[in-house]
Amino acid sequence: MPTHYPGTRAEKRTLNTFIKLTRCTNSLLARLAERDTMGDLTPSQFSVLEALYHLGHMTQGEISTKVLKSGSNMTTVIDNLERDGYVRRERDGKDRRVIHVHLTKAGTGKLEAILPNHVAALVEEFQVLSASELETLGELCKKLGRGGESA
């Protein structure tokens, strides 16, 4: 559904593009949820486990930055992951104010069990785009995400 905002041509074009981008993202996430590609994890929990799996232990603030979530939201997500045995918190030996979050053996196992299916589902979903379209989309998303800064 296009915008009904009575703005300038540029404003309407921008709003219509934003609507398409938002609907695309929501639609893709809904299809992935239908396929149960993240098991019983929330998207935030999944992204925390994936970040720790690929990047190693981090502070809660570093994780928040990586997965683009607020610190308060991250506390709840990490509390729940810790409750389920997927992560553990450890105070820094030099600065007790700093708490590192580590992936546990159970967390590694959980992610390794669901990641291949998640990746396969993403590959299938993105097959509607050619390789060059994927590259272009990736570059455009990066440019927009950085607010126009050079990539």
C-alpha atoms as a PDB file:
ATOM      1  CA  MET A   1       0.000   0.000   0.000  1.00  0.00           C
ATOM      2  CA  PRO A   2       1.572   3.305  -1.009  1.00  0.00           C
ATOM      3  CA  THR A   3       1.642   6.342   1.220  1.00  0.00           C
ATOM      4  CA  HIS A   4      -1.265   8.743   1.314  1.00  0.00           C
ATOM      5  CA  TYR A   5       0.890  11.516   2.705  1.00  0.00           C
ATOM      6  CA  PRO A   6       0.262  14.720   0.704  1.00  0.00           C
ATOM      7  CA  GLY A   7       3.917  15.700   0.547  1.00  0.00           C
ATOM      8  CA  THR A   8       6.379  16.500  -2.178  1.00  0.00           C
ATOM      9  CA  ARG A   9       7.340  13.987  -4.831  1.00  0.00           C
ATOM     10  CA  ALA A  10      10.609  13.269  -2.969  1.00  0.00           C
ATOM     11  CA  GLU A  11       8.757  12.791   0.332  1.00  0.00           C
ATOM     12  CA  LYS A  12       6.269  10.385  -1.241  1.00  0.00           C
ATOM     13  CA  ARG A  13       9.051   8.434  -2.981  1.00  0.00           C
ATOM     14  CA  THR A  14      10.963   8.176   0.306  1.00  0.00           C
ATOM     15  CA  LEU A  15       7.896   7.109   2.291  1.00  0.00           C
ATOM     16  CA  ASN A  16       6.911   4.534  -0.340  1.00  0.00           C
ATOM     17  CA  THR A  17      10.411   3.082  -0.295  1.00  0.00           C
ATOM     18  CA  PHE A  18      10.400   2.963   3.500  1.00  0.00           C
ATOM     19  CA  ILE A  19       7.025   1.186   3.459  1.00  0.00           C
ATOM     20  CA  LYS A  20       8.349  -1.391   0.985  1.00  0.00           C
ATOM     21  CA  LEU A  21      11.513  -1.947   3.020  1.00  0.00           C
ATOM     22  CA  THR A  22       9.546  -2.386   6.251  1.00  0.00           C
ATOM     23  CA  ARG A  23       6.960  -4.686   4.688  1.00  0.00           C
ATOM     24  CA  CYS A  24       9.711  -6.753   3.056  1.00  0.00           C
ATOM     25  CA  THR A  25      11.560  -7.183   6.355  1.00  0.00           C
ATOM     26  CA  ASN A  26       8.399  -8.035   8.288  1.00  0.00           C
ATOM     27  CA  SER A  27       7.252 -10.474   5.610  1.00  0.00           C
ATOM     28  CA  LEU A  28      10.628 -12.235   5.505  1.00  0.00           C
ATOM     29  CA  LEU A  29      10.786 -12.493   9.307  1.00  0.00           C
ATOM     30  CA  ALA A  30       7.228 -13.869   9.392  1.00  0.00           C
ATOM     31  CA  ARG A  31       8.099 -16.554   6.824  1.00  0.00           C
ATOM     32  CA  LEU A  32      11.207 -17.513   8.803  1.00  0.00           C
ATOM     33  CA  ALA A  33       9.106 -17.703  11.981  1.00  0.00           C
ATOM     34  CA  GLU A  34       6.621 -19.986  10.184  1.00  0.00           C
ATOM     35  CA  ARG A  35       9.538 -22.243   9.263  1.00  0.00           C
ATOM     36  CA  ASP A  36      10.676 -22.232  12.908  1.00  0.00           C
ATOM     37  CA  THR A  37      14.285 -21.610  11.849  1.00  0.00           C
ATOM     38  CA  MET A  38      15.305 -20.292  15.285  1.00  0.00           C
ATOM     39  CA  GLY A  39      13.676 -23.034  17.324  1.00  0.00           C
ATOM     40  CA  ASP A  40      12.471 -21.765  20.689  1.00  0.00           C
ATOM     41  CA  LEU A  41      14.790 -18.744  20.609  1.00  0.00           C
ATOM     42  CA  THR A  42      13.590 -15.204  20.063  1.00  0.00           C
ATOM     43  CA  PRO A  43      15.278 -13.291  17.230  1.00  0.00           C
ATOM     44  CA  SER A  44      17.221 -11.297  19.852  1.00  0.00           C
ATOM     45  CA  GLN A  45      18.380 -14.446  21.640  1.00  0.00           C
ATOM     46  CA  PHE A  46      19.383 -15.994  18.335  1.00  0.00           C
ATOM     47  CA  SER A  47      21.407 -12.934  17.322  1.00  0.00           C
ATOM     48  CA  VAL A  48      23.222 -12.851  20.689  1.00  0.00           C
ATOM     49  CA  LEU A  49      24.167 -16.524  20.425  1.00  0.00           C
ATOM     50  CA  GLU A  50      25.270 -16.056  16.833  1.00  0.00           C
ATOM     51  CA  ALA A  51      27.408 -13.015  17.707  1.00  0.00           C
ATOM     52  CA  LEU A  52      29.103 -14.851  20.582  1.00  0.00           C
ATOM     53  CA  TYR A  53      29.588 -17.947  18.427  1.00  0.00           C
ATOM     54  CA  HIS A  54      31.303 -16.063  15.609  1.00  0.00           C
ATOM     55  CA  LEU A  55      33.070 -13.294  17.542  1.00  0.00           C
ATOM     56  CA  GLY A  56      33.810 -14.842  20.940  1.00  0.00           C
ATOM     57  CA  HIS A  57      33.026 -13.467  24.374  1.00  0.00           C
ATOM     58  CA  MET A  58      32.050  -9.816  24.655  1.00  0.00           C
ATOM     59  CA  THR A  59      30.744  -7.373  27.199  1.00  0.00           C
ATOM     60  CA  GLN A  60      27.023  -6.780  27.319  1.00  0.00           C
ATOM     61  CA  GLY A  61      27.539  -3.306  25.808  1.00  0.00           C
ATOM     62  CA  GLU A  62      29.546  -4.747  22.921  1.00  0.00           C
ATOM     63  CA  ILE A  63      26.804  -7.288  22.261  1.00  0.00           C
ATOM     64  CA  SER A  64      24.166  -4.530  22.299  1.00  0.00           C
ATOM     65  CA  THR A  65      26.142  -2.630  19.686  1.00  0.00           C
ATOM     66  CA  LYS A  66      26.631  -5.710  17.495  1.00  0.00           C
ATOM     67  CA  VAL A  67      22.985  -6.775  17.489  1.00  0.00           C
ATOM     68  CA  LEU A  68      21.548  -3.226  17.512  1.00  0.00           C
ATOM     69  CA  LYS A  69      19.509  -3.595  20.705  1.00  0.00           C
ATOM     70  CA  SER A  70      19.263  -1.334  23.744  1.00  0.00           C
ATOM     71  CA  GLY A  71      21.220  -2.136  26.876  1.00  0.00           C
ATOM     72  CA  SER A  72      18.073  -2.633  28.946  1.00  0.00           C
ATOM     73  CA  ASN A  73      16.643  -5.046  26.381  1.00  0.00           C
ATOM     74  CA  MET A  74      19.992  -6.856  26.237  1.00  0.00           C
ATOM     75  CA  THR A  75      19.937  -7.403  30.022  1.00  0.00           C
ATOM     76  CA  THR A  76      16.647  -9.283  29.735  1.00  0.00           C
ATOM     77  CA  VAL A  77      17.808 -11.285  26.710  1.00  0.00           C
ATOM     78  CA  ILE A  78      21.059 -12.300  28.391  1.00  0.00           C
ATOM     79  CA  ASP A  79      19.270 -13.066  31.686  1.00  0.00           C
ATOM     80  CA  ASN A  80      17.024 -15.505  29.803  1.00  0.00           C
ATOM     81  CA  LEU A  81      19.919 -17.067  27.886  1.00  0.00           C
ATOM     82  CA  GLU A  82      21.828 -17.479  31.155  1.00  0.00           C
ATOM     83  CA  ARG A  83      18.746 -19.004  32.839  1.00  0.00           C
ATOM     84  CA  ASP A  84      18.566 -21.553  29.996  1.00  0.00           C
ATOM     85  CA  GLY A  85      22.276 -22.362  30.300  1.00  0.00           C
ATOM     86  CA  TYR A  86      23.298 -20.968  26.897  1.00  0.00           C
ATOM     87  CA  VAL A  87      25.567 -18.192  28.183  1.00  0.00           C
ATOM     88  CA  ARG A  88      27.461 -17.360  31.364  1.00  0.00           C
ATOM     89  CA  ARG A  89      28.557 -14.024  32.765  1.00  0.00           C
ATOM     90  CA  GLU A  90      32.028 -13.492  34.171  1.00  0.00           C
ATOM     91  CA  ARG A  91      33.444 -10.408  35.873  1.00  0.00           C
ATOM     92  CA  ASP A  92      36.634  -8.966  34.429  1.00  0.00           C
ATOM     93  CA  GLY A  93      39.657  -9.716  36.620  1.00  0.00           C
ATOM     94  CA  LYS A  94      41.045  -6.191  36.305  1.00  0.00           C
ATOM     95  CA  ASP A  95      37.830  -4.151  36.366  1.00  0.00           C
ATOM     96  CA  ARG A  96      34.944  -5.690  38.286  1.00  0.00           C
ATOM     97  CA  ARG A  97      32.507  -3.249  36.665  1.00  0.00           C
ATOM     98  CA  VAL A  98      33.047  -5.058  33.357  1.00  0.00           C
ATOM     99  CA  ILE A  99      31.114  -8.272  32.808  1.00  0.00           C
ATOM    100  CA  HIS A 100      31.955 -10.559  29.910  1.00  0.00           C
ATOM    101  CA  VAL A 101      29.321 -12.831  28.392  1.00  0.00           C
ATOM    102  CA  HIS A 102      30.536 -16.240  27.238  1.00  0.00           C
ATOM    103  CA  LEU A 103      28.812 -18.863  25.136  1.00  0.00           C
ATOM    104  CA  THR A 104      28.486 -22.154  27.019  1.00  0.00           C
ATOM    105  CA  LYS A 105      28.808 -25.634  25.582  1.00  0.00           C
ATOM    106  CA  ALA A 106      24.998 -25.855  25.601  1.00  0.00           C
ATOM    107  CA  GLY A 107      24.779 -22.511  23.782  1.00  0.00           C
ATOM    108  CA  THR A 108      27.243 -23.674  21.147  1.00  0.00           C
ATOM    109  CA  GLY A 109      25.291 -26.891  20.698  1.00  0.00           C
ATOM    110  CA  LYS A 110      22.001 -25.028  20.441  1.00  0.00           C
ATOM    111  CA  LEU A 111      23.285 -22.666  17.774  1.00  0.00           C
ATOM    112  CA  GLU A 112      25.044 -25.409  15.803  1.00  0.00           C
ATOM    113  CA  ALA A 113      21.797 -27.404  15.814  1.00  0.00           C
ATOM    114  CA  ILE A 114      19.647 -24.610  14.365  1.00  0.00           C
ATOM    115  CA  LEU A 115      22.036 -22.489  12.299  1.00  0.00           C
ATOM    116  CA  PRO A 116      22.256 -24.759   9.215  1.00  0.00           C
ATOM    117  CA  ASN A 117      18.443 -24.829   8.829  1.00  0.00           C
ATOM    118  CA  HIS A 118      18.253 -21.061   9.350  1.00  0.00           C
ATOM    119  CA  VAL A 119      20.916 -20.415   6.708  1.00  0.00           C
ATOM    120  CA  ALA A 120      19.241 -22.834   4.280  1.00  0.00           C
ATOM    121  CA  ALA A 121      15.909 -21.040   4.753  1.00  0.00           C
ATOM    122  CA  LEU A 122      17.556 -17.659   4.132  1.00  0.00           C
ATOM    123  CA  VAL A 123      19.255 -18.942   0.986  1.00  0.00           C
ATOM    124  CA  GLU A 124      15.917 -20.259  -0.252  1.00  0.00           C
ATOM    125  CA  GLU A 125      14.121 -16.992   0.527  1.00  0.00           C
ATOM    126  CA  PHE A 126      16.781 -14.898  -1.210  1.00  0.00           C
ATOM    127  CA  GLN A 127      16.789 -17.057  -4.361  1.00  0.00           C
ATOM    128  CA  VAL A 128      14.273 -14.653  -5.892  1.00  0.00           C
ATOM    129  CA  LEU A 129      17.250 -12.297  -6.376  1.00  0.00           C
ATOM    130  CA  SER A 130      20.161 -12.837  -8.733  1.00  0.00           C
ATOM    131  CA  ALA A 131      23.717 -12.801  -7.387  1.00  0.00           C
ATOM    132  CA  SER A 132      24.229  -9.246  -8.638  1.00  0.00           C
ATOM    133  CA  GLU A 133      20.902  -8.131  -7.141  1.00  0.00           C
ATOM    134  CA  LEU A 134      21.974  -9.599  -3.792  1.00  0.00           C
ATOM    135  CA  GLU A 135      25.250  -7.679  -3.985  1.00  0.00           C
ATOM    136  CA  THR A 136      23.439  -4.464  -4.891  1.00  0.00           C
ATOM    137  CA  LEU A 137      20.861  -4.931  -2.128  1.00  0.00           C
ATOM    138  CA  GLY A 138      23.637  -5.577   0.367  1.00  0.00           C
ATOM    139  CA  GLU A 139      25.498  -2.423  -0.632  1.00  0.00           C
ATOM    140  CA  LEU A 140      22.336  -0.311  -0.584  1.00  0.00           C
ATOM    141  CA  CYS A 141      21.371  -1.616   2.866  1.00  0.00           C
ATOM    142  CA  LYS A 142      24.859  -0.904   4.163  1.00  0.00           C
ATOM    143  CA  LYS A 143      24.765   2.624   2.729  1.00  0.00           C
ATOM    144  CA  LEU A 144      21.329   3.345   4.171  1.00  0.00           C
ATOM    145  CA  GLY A 145      22.229   1.770   7.511  1.00  0.00           C
ATOM    146  CA  ARG A 146      25.276   3.971   7.844  1.00  0.00           C
ATOM    147  CA  GLY A 147      23.294   7.076   7.028  1.00  0.00           C
ATOM    148  CA  GLY A 148      25.014   7.706   3.724  1.00  0.00           C
ATOM    149  CA  GLU A 149      28.574   7.440   5.095  1.00  0.00           C
ATOM    150  CA  SER A 150      30.994   5.728   2.754  1.00  0.00           C
ATOM    151  CA  ALA A 151      31.016   1.999   3.274  1.00  0.00           C
END
